[in-house]
C-alpha atoms as a PDB file:
ATOM      1  CA  MET A   1     242.876  87.475 142.164  1.00  0.00           C
ATOM      2  CA  LYS A   2     242.661  84.002 140.653  1.00  0.00           C
ATOM      3  CA  LYS A   3     242.720  85.531 137.168  1.00  0.00           C
ATOM      4  CA  ILE A   4     245.874  87.519 138.039  1.00  0.00           C
ATOM      5  CA  LYS A   5     247.593  84.429 139.441  1.00  0.00           C
ATOM      6  CA  PHE A   6     246.630  82.464 136.342  1.00  0.00           C
ATOM      7  CA  LEU A   7     247.975  85.231 134.100  1.00  0.00           C
ATOM      8  CA  PHE A   8     251.343  85.262 135.883  1.00  0.00           C
ATOM      9  CA  LEU A   9     251.489  81.464 135.730  1.00  0.00           C
ATOM     10  CA  ALA A  10     250.749  81.480 132.007  1.00  0.00           C
ATOM     11  CA  LEU A  11     253.405  84.137 131.372  1.00  0.00           C
ATOM     12  CA  GLY A  12     255.918  82.164 133.439  1.00  0.00           C
ATOM     13  CA  LEU A  13     255.244  78.952 131.522  1.00  0.00           C
ATOM     14  CA  ALA A  14     255.537  80.774 128.197  1.00  0.00           C
ATOM     15  CA  ALA A  15     258.840  82.326 129.214  1.00  0.00           C
ATOM     16  CA  ALA A  16     260.163  78.955 130.386  1.00  0.00           C
ATOM     17  CA  ALA A  17     259.091  77.307 127.124  1.00  0.00           C
ATOM     18  CA  ALA A  18     260.767  80.029 125.092  1.00  0.00           C
ATOM     19  CA  THR A  19     263.946  79.702 127.124  1.00  0.00           C
ATOM     20  CA  LEU A  20     263.957  75.919 126.765  1.00  0.00           C
ATOM     21  CA  HIS A  21     263.352  76.209 123.029  1.00  0.00           C
ATOM     22  CA  SER A  22     266.162  78.730 122.731  1.00  0.00           C
ATOM     23  CA  CYS A  23     268.570  76.470 124.638  1.00  0.00           C
ATOM     24  CA  ASN A  24     267.685  73.533 122.424  1.00  0.00           C
ATOM     25  CA  ASN A  25     268.381  75.594 119.329  1.00  0.00           C
ATOM     26  CA  ASN A  26     271.722  76.733 120.731  1.00  0.00           C
ATOM     27  CA  ASP A  27     272.671  73.209 121.703  1.00  0.00           C
ATOM     28  CA  TYR A  28     271.835  71.954 118.242  1.00  0.00           C
ATOM     29  CA  TYR A  29     273.638  74.872 116.614  1.00  0.00           C
ATOM     30  CA  ASP A  30     276.769  74.505 118.732  1.00  0.00           C
ATOM     31  CA  TYR A  31     276.950  70.747 118.295  1.00  0.00           C
ATOM     32  CA  GLY A  32     277.962  71.138 114.676  1.00  0.00           C
ATOM     33  CA  TYR A  33     280.942  73.199 115.791  1.00  0.00           C
ATOM     34  CA  LEU A  34     282.090  70.525 118.224  1.00  0.00           C
ATOM     35  CA  ARG A  35     283.135  68.211 115.421  1.00  0.00           C
ATOM     36  CA  PRO A  36     286.350  68.902 113.515  1.00  0.00           C
ATOM     37  CA  THR A  37     286.045  69.797 109.860  1.00  0.00           C
ATOM     38  CA  ALA A  38     289.516  68.578 108.973  1.00  0.00           C
ATOM     39  CA  LEU A  39     292.904  67.364 110.100  1.00  0.00           C
ATOM     40  CA  VAL A  40     295.637  69.794 109.028  1.00  0.00           C
ATOM     41  CA  THR A  41     299.276  70.753 109.413  1.00  0.00           C
ATOM     42  CA  VAL A  42     299.665  74.225 110.913  1.00  0.00           C
ATOM     43  CA  ARG A  43     302.566  75.836 109.054  1.00  0.00           C
ATOM     44  CA  PRO A  44     303.830  79.125 110.526  1.00  0.00           C
ATOM     45  CA  GLN A  45     305.629  81.563 108.245  1.00  0.00           C
ATOM     46  CA  ALA A  46     308.595  83.889 108.775  1.00  0.00           C
ATOM     47  CA  ASP A  47     306.356  86.982 108.882  1.00  0.00           C
ATOM     48  CA  GLY A  48     304.327  85.541 111.784  1.00  0.00           C
ATOM     49  CA  SER A  49     301.367  84.438 109.672  1.00  0.00           C
ATOM     50  CA  PHE A  50     300.411  80.827 109.030  1.00  0.00           C
ATOM     51  CA  PHE A  51     298.427  78.591 106.741  1.00  0.00           C
ATOM     52  CA  MET A  52     297.002  75.110 107.111  1.00  0.00           C
ATOM     53  CA  GLN A  53     298.029  72.241 104.870  1.00  0.00           C
ATOM     54  CA  LEU A  54     294.879  70.210 104.305  1.00  0.00           C
ATOM     55  CA  ASP A  55     296.484  67.308 102.455  1.00  0.00           C
ATOM     56  CA  ASP A  56     299.462  66.775 100.154  1.00  0.00           C
ATOM     57  CA  PHE A  57     298.413  69.615  97.848  1.00  0.00           C
ATOM     58  CA  SER A  58     295.529  71.652  99.288  1.00  0.00           C
ATOM     59  CA  VAL A  59     295.940  74.712 101.487  1.00  0.00           C
ATOM     60  CA  LEU A  60     293.604  76.654 103.789  1.00  0.00           C
ATOM     61  CA  TYR A  61     294.254  80.338 104.484  1.00  0.00           C
ATOM     62  CA  PRO A  62     292.652  81.613 107.727  1.00  0.00           C
ATOM     63  CA  GLU A  63     291.193  85.062 107.198  1.00  0.00           C
ATOM     64  CA  ASN A  64     290.148  85.636 110.811  1.00  0.00           C
ATOM     65  CA  MET A  65     293.504  84.733 112.406  1.00  0.00           C
ATOM     66  CA  SER A  66     296.724  86.609 111.712  1.00  0.00           C
ATOM     67  CA  LYS A  67     299.025  84.443 113.857  1.00  0.00           C
ATOM     68  CA  SER A  68     299.175  80.790 114.784  1.00  0.00           C
ATOM     69  CA  PRO A  69     298.005  80.020 118.326  1.00  0.00           C
ATOM     70  CA  PHE A  70     300.964  77.607 118.538  1.00  0.00           C
ATOM     71  CA  GLY A  71     303.637  80.210 117.889  1.00  0.00           C
ATOM     72  CA  ASP A  72     306.409  79.137 115.546  1.00  0.00           C
ATOM     73  CA  LYS A  73     305.768  75.415 116.087  1.00  0.00           C
ATOM     74  CA  GLU A  74     304.627  73.323 113.148  1.00  0.00           C
ATOM     75  CA  VAL A  75     302.038  70.897 114.477  1.00  0.00           C
ATOM     76  CA  ARG A  76     299.220  68.690 113.314  1.00  0.00           C
ATOM     77  CA  ALA A  77     295.825  69.884 114.484  1.00  0.00           C
ATOM     78  CA  LEU A  78     292.093  69.302 114.347  1.00  0.00           C
ATOM     79  CA  VAL A  79     290.226  72.317 113.046  1.00  0.00           C
ATOM     80  CA  ASN A  80     286.656  73.376 112.541  1.00  0.00           C
ATOM     81  CA  TYR A  81     286.442  75.947 109.765  1.00  0.00           C
ATOM     82  CA  THR A  82     283.915  77.587 107.494  1.00  0.00           C
ATOM     83  CA  VAL A  83     284.739  78.248 103.847  1.00  0.00           C
ATOM     84  CA  ASN A  84     284.103  81.850 102.897  1.00  0.00           C
ATOM     85  CA  ALA A  85     281.156  82.373 100.596  1.00  0.00           C
ATOM     86  CA  SER A  86     283.326  83.572  97.715  1.00  0.00           C
ATOM     87  CA  ASP A  87     285.264  80.288  97.749  1.00  0.00           C
ATOM     88  CA  ARG A  88     282.403  77.935  98.490  1.00  0.00           C
ATOM     89  CA  ASP A  89     281.916  76.712  94.923  1.00  0.00           C
ATOM     90  CA  THR A  90     285.478  76.908  93.663  1.00  0.00           C
ATOM     91  CA  ARG A  91     287.515  73.814  92.737  1.00  0.00           C
ATOM     92  CA  THR A  92     291.028  74.967  93.476  1.00  0.00           C
ATOM     93  CA  ALA A  93     293.873  73.703  95.626  1.00  0.00           C
ATOM     94  CA  TYR A  94     293.380  76.471  98.186  1.00  0.00           C
ATOM     95  CA  ALA A  95     290.546  78.153 100.050  1.00  0.00           C
ATOM     96  CA  ASN A  96     290.090  81.171 102.306  1.00  0.00           C
ATOM     97  CA  VAL A  97     288.383  80.123 105.528  1.00  0.00           C
ATOM     98  CA  ASN A  98     287.255  81.321 108.927  1.00  0.00           C
ATOM     99  CA  VAL A  99     288.599  79.216 111.768  1.00  0.00           C
ATOM    100  CA  ASN A 100     285.901  78.458 114.350  1.00  0.00           C
ATOM    101  CA  TRP A 101     288.307  76.549 116.589  1.00  0.00           C
ATOM    102  CA  ILE A 102     291.612  74.718 116.309  1.00  0.00           C
ATOM    103  CA  ASP A 103     293.258  72.242 118.669  1.00  0.00           C
ATOM    104  CA  SER A 104     296.779  70.904 118.297  1.00  0.00           C
ATOM    105  CA  ILE A 105     297.742  67.231 118.356  1.00  0.00           C
ATOM    106  CA  ARG A 106     300.869  66.027 120.124  1.00  0.00           C
ATOM    107  CA  THR A 107     303.405  66.156 117.296  1.00  0.00           C
ATOM    108  CA  LYS A 108     306.824  64.503 117.520  1.00  0.00           C
ATOM    109  CA  ARG A 109     309.718  63.195 115.464  1.00  0.00           C
ATOM    110  CA  PRO A 110     310.931  59.590 115.475  1.00  0.00           C
ATOM    111  CA  VAL A 111     313.367  58.455 118.145  1.00  0.00           C
ATOM    112  CA  PRO A 112     316.422  56.258 117.491  1.00  0.00           C
ATOM    113  CA  TYR A 113     316.564  52.516 118.024  1.00  0.00           C
ATOM    114  CA  LEU A 114     318.669  51.634 121.062  1.00  0.00           C
ATOM    115  CA  SER A 115     318.544  47.895 121.731  1.00  0.00           C
ATOM    116  CA  GLU A 116     315.654  45.594 122.488  1.00  0.00           C
ATOM    117  CA  SER A 117     316.210  45.760 126.241  1.00  0.00           C
ATOM    118  CA  GLU A 118     316.909  49.500 126.200  1.00  0.00           C
ATOM    119  CA  ASN A 119     313.871  50.118 124.010  1.00  0.00           C
ATOM    120  CA  ASN A 120     311.713  48.363 126.597  1.00  0.00           C
ATOM    121  CA  ALA A 121     313.244  50.351 129.432  1.00  0.00           C
ATOM    122  CA  VAL A 122     313.260  53.753 127.736  1.00  0.00           C
ATOM    123  CA  TYR A 123     310.304  53.641 125.352  1.00  0.00           C
ATOM    124  CA  GLY A 124     308.130  51.060 127.123  1.00  0.00           C
ATOM    125  CA  ASP A 125     306.467  47.909 125.881  1.00  0.00           C
ATOM    126  CA  ASP A 126     302.845  48.392 126.883  1.00  0.00           C
ATOM    127  CA  PRO A 127     300.124  47.290 124.447  1.00  0.00           C
ATOM    128  CA  ILE A 128     298.347  49.788 122.241  1.00  0.00           C
ATOM    129  CA  GLU A 129     295.848  49.663 119.389  1.00  0.00           C
ATOM    130  CA  ILE A 130     295.726  51.697 116.188  1.00  0.00           C
ATOM    131  CA  VAL A 131     292.178  52.594 115.215  1.00  0.00           C
ATOM    132  CA  ARG A 132     291.236  52.545 111.548  1.00  0.00           C
ATOM    133  CA  ASP A 133     289.693  55.965 111.140  1.00  0.00           C
ATOM    134  CA  TRP A 134     289.856  59.061 108.932  1.00  0.00           C
ATOM    135  CA  VAL A 135     292.327  60.639 111.365  1.00  0.00           C
ATOM    136  CA  THR A 136     294.678  57.648 111.016  1.00  0.00           C
ATOM    137  CA  VAL A 137     296.351  58.939 107.894  1.00  0.00           C
ATOM    138  CA  ALA A 138     299.740  59.432 106.218  1.00  0.00           C
ATOM    139  CA  GLU A 139     299.980  62.758 104.371  1.00  0.00           C
ATOM    140  CA  ASP A 140     302.086  65.909 104.059  1.00  0.00           C
ATOM    141  CA  GLY A 141     305.071  63.929 105.360  1.00  0.00           C
ATOM    142  CA  TYR A 142     303.283  63.141 108.626  1.00  0.00           C
ATOM    143  CA  LEU A 143     301.939  59.928 110.102  1.00  0.00           C
ATOM    144  CA  THR A 144     298.922  60.681 112.287  1.00  0.00           C
ATOM    145  CA  LEU A 145     297.419  57.895 114.372  1.00  0.00           C
ATOM    146  CA  ARG A 146     294.298  57.447 116.425  1.00  0.00           C
ATOM    147  CA  ILE A 147     295.437  55.193 119.251  1.00  0.00           C
ATOM    148  CA  ARG A 148     293.483  53.223 121.851  1.00  0.00           C
ATOM    149  CA  THR A 149     294.602  51.855 125.197  1.00  0.00           C
ATOM    150  CA  ARG A 150     293.575  51.634 128.856  1.00  0.00           C
ATOM    151  CA  TRP A 151     293.448  54.783 130.979  1.00  0.00           C
ATOM    152  CA  ASP A 152     292.984  54.823 134.736  1.00  0.00           C
ATOM    153  CA  SER A 153     291.141  57.595 136.540  1.00  0.00           C
ATOM    154  CA  LYS A 154     294.441  59.211 137.542  1.00  0.00           C
ATOM    155  CA  CYS A 155     295.200  59.779 133.852  1.00  0.00           C
ATOM    156  CA  CYS A 156     298.969  59.947 134.134  1.00  0.00           C
ATOM    157  CA  PRO A 157     300.832  60.805 130.904  1.00  0.00           C
ATOM    158  CA  HIS A 158     301.239  58.020 128.359  1.00  0.00           C
ATOM    159  CA  VAL A 159     304.404  58.405 126.294  1.00  0.00           C
ATOM    160  CA  ILE A 160     304.088  57.329 122.649  1.00  0.00           C
ATOM    161  CA  ASN A 161     307.177  57.097 120.446  1.00  0.00           C
ATOM    162  CA  LEU A 162     307.905  56.051 116.892  1.00  0.00           C
ATOM    163  CA  VAL A 163     311.190  54.159 116.880  1.00  0.00           C
ATOM    164  CA  SER A 164     313.303  54.384 113.723  1.00  0.00           C
ATOM    165  CA  GLY A 165     316.201  52.184 112.706  1.00  0.00           C
ATOM    166  CA  VAL A 166     314.473  48.925 113.580  1.00  0.00           C
ATOM    167  CA  ASN A 167     315.590  47.472 110.244  1.00  0.00           C
ATOM    168  CA  PRO A 168     319.028  48.627 109.049  1.00  0.00           C
ATOM    169  CA  GLU A 169     318.116  47.612 105.505  1.00  0.00           C
ATOM    170  CA  ASN A 170     314.889  49.600 105.419  1.00  0.00           C
ATOM    171  CA  PRO A 171     314.855  53.190 106.758  1.00  0.00           C
ATOM    172  CA  TYR A 172     311.074  53.294 106.279  1.00  0.00           C
ATOM    173  CA  GLU A 173     310.358  50.618 108.874  1.00  0.00           C
ATOM    174  CA  PHE A 174     309.258  51.796 112.317  1.00  0.00           C
ATOM    175  CA  GLU A 175     307.986  50.451 115.607  1.00  0.00           C
ATOM    176  CA  LEU A 176     305.337  52.220 117.679  1.00  0.00           C
ATOM    177  CA  ARG A 177     306.219  52.115 121.376  1.00  0.00           C
ATOM    178  CA  HIS A 178     303.955  52.873 124.342  1.00  0.00           C
ATOM    179  CA  ASN A 179     305.014  53.637 127.905  1.00  0.00           C
ATOM    180  CA  ALA A 180     301.896  53.791 130.078  1.00  0.00           C
ATOM    181  CA  ASN A 181     303.904  54.722 133.187  1.00  0.00           C
ATOM    182  CA  GLY A 182     302.094  52.017 135.131  1.00  0.00           C
ATOM    183  CA  ASP A 183     298.639  53.198 134.044  1.00  0.00           C
ATOM    184  CA  ILE A 184     297.600  49.823 132.626  1.00  0.00           C
ATOM    185  CA  TYR A 185     294.112  49.442 134.093  1.00  0.00           C
ATOM    186  CA  GLY A 186     290.822  51.221 133.580  1.00  0.00           C
ATOM    187  CA  ASN A 187     288.589  51.611 130.542  1.00  0.00           C
ATOM    188  CA  MET A 188     289.685  51.810 126.944  1.00  0.00           C
ATOM    189  CA  GLY A 189     290.006  55.324 125.549  1.00  0.00           C
ATOM    190  CA  ASP A 190     291.387  57.059 122.465  1.00  0.00           C
ATOM    191  CA  ALA A 191     293.838  59.826 121.696  1.00  0.00           C
ATOM    192  CA  LEU A 192     295.750  61.200 118.706  1.00  0.00           C
ATOM    193  CA  ILE A 193     299.498  61.343 118.050  1.00  0.00           C
ATOM    194  CA  ALA A 194     301.388  62.632 115.002  1.00  0.00           C
ATOM    195  CA  PHE A 195     304.932  62.089 113.761  1.00  0.00           C
ATOM    196  CA  ASN A 196     306.874  64.286 111.358  1.00  0.00           C
ATOM    197  CA  LEU A 197     308.682  62.044 108.850  1.00  0.00           C
ATOM    198  CA  ASN A 198     309.815  64.691 106.376  1.00  0.00           C
ATOM    199  CA  ASP A 199     313.465  64.075 107.228  1.00  0.00           C
ATOM    200  CA  LEU A 200     313.392  60.569 105.767  1.00  0.00           C
ATOM    201  CA  PRO A 201     315.665  59.845 102.779  1.00  0.00           C
ATOM    202  CA  ARG A 202     314.254  60.483  99.314  1.00  0.00           C
ATOM    203  CA  ASP A 203     316.364  58.065  97.313  1.00  0.00           C
ATOM    204  CA  ASN A 204     313.407  57.132  95.112  1.00  0.00           C
ATOM    205  CA  GLY A 205     311.528  60.422  95.187  1.00  0.00           C
ATOM    206  CA  ASP A 206     308.926  61.856  97.539  1.00  0.00           C
ATOM    207  CA  LYS A 207     306.595  58.825  97.540  1.00  0.00           C
ATOM    208  CA  ILE A 208     307.507  56.142 100.070  1.00  0.00           C
ATOM    209  CA  THR A 209     305.920  53.193 101.854  1.00  0.00           C
ATOM    210  CA  ILE A 210     306.126  52.988 105.630  1.00  0.00           C
ATOM    211  CA  ARG A 211     306.050  49.675 107.486  1.00  0.00           C
ATOM    212  CA  LEU A 212     304.718  50.092 111.027  1.00  0.00           C
ATOM    213  CA  THR A 213     304.740  47.408 113.732  1.00  0.00           C
ATOM    214  CA  TRP A 214     303.333  47.608 117.255  1.00  0.00           C
ATOM    215  CA  ARG A 215     302.356  45.445 120.204  1.00  0.00           C
ATOM    216  CA  SER A 216     298.566  45.271 120.399  1.00  0.00           C
ATOM    217  CA  PHE A 217     296.420  43.715 123.108  1.00  0.00           C
ATOM    218  CA  MET A 218     296.182  40.620 120.895  1.00  0.00           C
ATOM    219  CA  GLY A 219     299.862  40.346 119.978  1.00  0.00           C
ATOM    220  CA  TYR A 220     302.153  42.026 117.483  1.00  0.00           C
ATOM    221  CA  LYS A 221     300.675  43.607 114.362  1.00  0.00           C
ATOM    222  CA  SER A 222     302.003  45.443 111.334  1.00  0.00           C
ATOM    223  CA  THR A 223     300.644  47.509 108.481  1.00  0.00           C
ATOM    224  CA  ASP A 224     301.895  49.635 105.587  1.00  0.00           C
ATOM    225  CA  PHE A 225     301.172  53.285 104.860  1.00  0.00           C
ATOM    226  CA  SER A 226     301.736  55.074 101.564  1.00  0.00           C
ATOM    227  CA  LEU A 227     303.186  58.506 102.275  1.00  0.00           C
ATOM    228  CA  ARG A 228     304.170  61.455 100.128  1.00  0.00           C
ATOM    229  CA  LEU A 229     306.924  63.476 101.775  1.00  0.00           C
ATOM    230  CA  ARG A 230     306.640  67.223 101.531  1.00  0.00           C
ATOM    231  CA  PRO A 231     308.608  68.600  98.560  1.00  0.00           C
ATOM    232  CA  GLU A 232     311.953  70.002  99.620  1.00  0.00           C
ATOM    233  CA  GLU A 233     311.525  73.079  97.476  1.00  0.00           C
ATOM    234  CA  GLY A 234     308.557  75.120  96.356  1.00  0.00           C
ATOM    235  CA  THR A 235     305.604  76.366  98.342  1.00  0.00           C
ATOM    236  CA  ALA A 236     302.607  74.599  99.818  1.00  0.00           C
ATOM    237  CA  GLY A 237     300.231  73.355  97.211  1.00  0.00           C
ATOM    238  CA  ASP A 238     302.922  72.575  94.634  1.00  0.00           C
ATOM    239  CA  GLY A 239     302.302  69.407  92.692  1.00  0.00           C
ATOM    240  CA  ASP A 240     299.094  68.066  91.231  1.00  0.00           C
ATOM    241  CA  GLY A 241     297.052  71.227  91.329  1.00  0.00           C
ATOM    242  CA  ASP A 242     293.824  69.452  90.401  1.00  0.00           C
ATOM    243  CA  ASN A 243     293.689  67.876  93.857  1.00  0.00           C
ATOM    244  CA  THR A 244     291.128  69.918  95.782  1.00  0.00           C
ATOM    245  CA  GLY A 245     291.429  68.328  99.164  1.00  0.00           C
ATOM    246  CA  ASP A 246     288.467  65.971  98.834  1.00  0.00           C
ATOM    247  CA  THR A 247     290.255  63.300 100.832  1.00  0.00           C
ATOM    248  CA  GLY A 248     289.634  61.261 103.932  1.00  0.00           C
ATOM    249  CA  ASN A 249     290.956  63.937 106.275  1.00  0.00           C
ATOM    250  CA  ALA A 250     288.147  66.410 105.585  1.00  0.00           C
ATOM    251  CA  GLY A 251     284.602  66.295 106.863  1.00  0.00           C
ATOM    252  CA  GLY A 252     285.169  63.404 109.247  1.00  0.00           C
ATOM    253  CA  GLU A 253     282.666  62.328 111.858  1.00  0.00           C
ATOM    254  CA  ILE A 254     284.686  61.993 115.048  1.00  0.00           C
ATOM    255  CA  ASP A 255     283.094  62.317 118.460  1.00  0.00           C
ATOM    256  CA  PRO A 256     285.183  64.718 120.575  1.00  0.00           C
ATOM    257  CA  ALA A 257     284.576  62.497 123.600  1.00  0.00           C
ATOM    258  CA  SER A 258     286.261  59.608 121.822  1.00  0.00           C
ATOM    259  CA  ILE A 259     289.634  61.402 121.847  1.00  0.00           C
ATOM    260  CA  ALA A 260     289.254  62.845 125.319  1.00  0.00           C
ATOM    261  CA  PHE A 261     292.673  61.575 126.374  1.00  0.00           C
ATOM    262  CA  ASN A 262     294.654  63.765 123.939  1.00  0.00           C
ATOM    263  CA  ARG A 263     295.965  65.918 126.787  1.00  0.00           C
ATOM    264  CA  TYR A 264     297.458  62.860 128.500  1.00  0.00           C
ATOM    265  CA  VAL A 265     299.670  61.901 125.561  1.00  0.00           C
ATOM    266  CA  GLU A 266     303.346  62.790 125.449  1.00  0.00           C
END
C-alpha cells in the first residue's frame, strides 16, 4: 500500500512539474507578443482592404487580415507583426506580414485657437509631460506623442488637443492642451495620442518643422519636430525607395503597462 501511495505521489509531482514547466514556456513565449513591433498608420482602401504605413516610405501588407478592424477610419496604431519567411531577408520598401495583434491609438486633428481665456475653458490648462521615446515621433504627416500625467483611480477621460493658429505668422506652431476633467491627483501614468497634420500648407514642399509648446509640471516647454507630410499624389511608399523602414518606430521596447491609460484619452 505504501508503494502504491508513493507511486501516485510521484506521478502527481511529475505531472505538476510538467504543467508548471509548460506554463513557464507559454508565459515566456507569449511575452514576446505583448510588446509592439512597430508604430504604424492604418490606411484603409476603397475596396475594403488596408495596409500599414510603417514610416514615410515603408509599407506593410497584412496577409492574414482582409479588412481593417477600425473600419474606414485612418488611425495610428501599435502593432505586433511577423514578417513572412519569403520577405525576411529582403531590403525593399514593403513587406508582407502576419499581424499578431493591433491596437489603435486615439487619433485626432488639430483644433482652432479661440482666445487665451476660451482655450483654458474649452481645452483646459492642466499640466502634462511629453516623454522622449520611440513612440514620440513625427512621420507620415502625423505627430504621435507619449504623454505622462496624473491619473486618479476613477480614471475619468483626459481630453488632449493640439491647438493650431497660436502664431498667425507661423502655421506650423502648435500648443498641446490637456483637460484632466478634475482628475489631477493620483500616480503618474502614460498614454499615447496622435494628430493628423497632413492638411497643413505645403508652401515649401512636404518637409516642414513643427514648433510645439505645452505646460509641463515644471513650467512651459517647447520643442521642434521635423515632419514630412504625406505626398498629395501617388501611392504609399512613393519617394526614396531605398528607405526600408529601419527607423525609430520599429522594434521598440515599450512596456504595455506603461501606456495602460490609453483607453482614458480623448
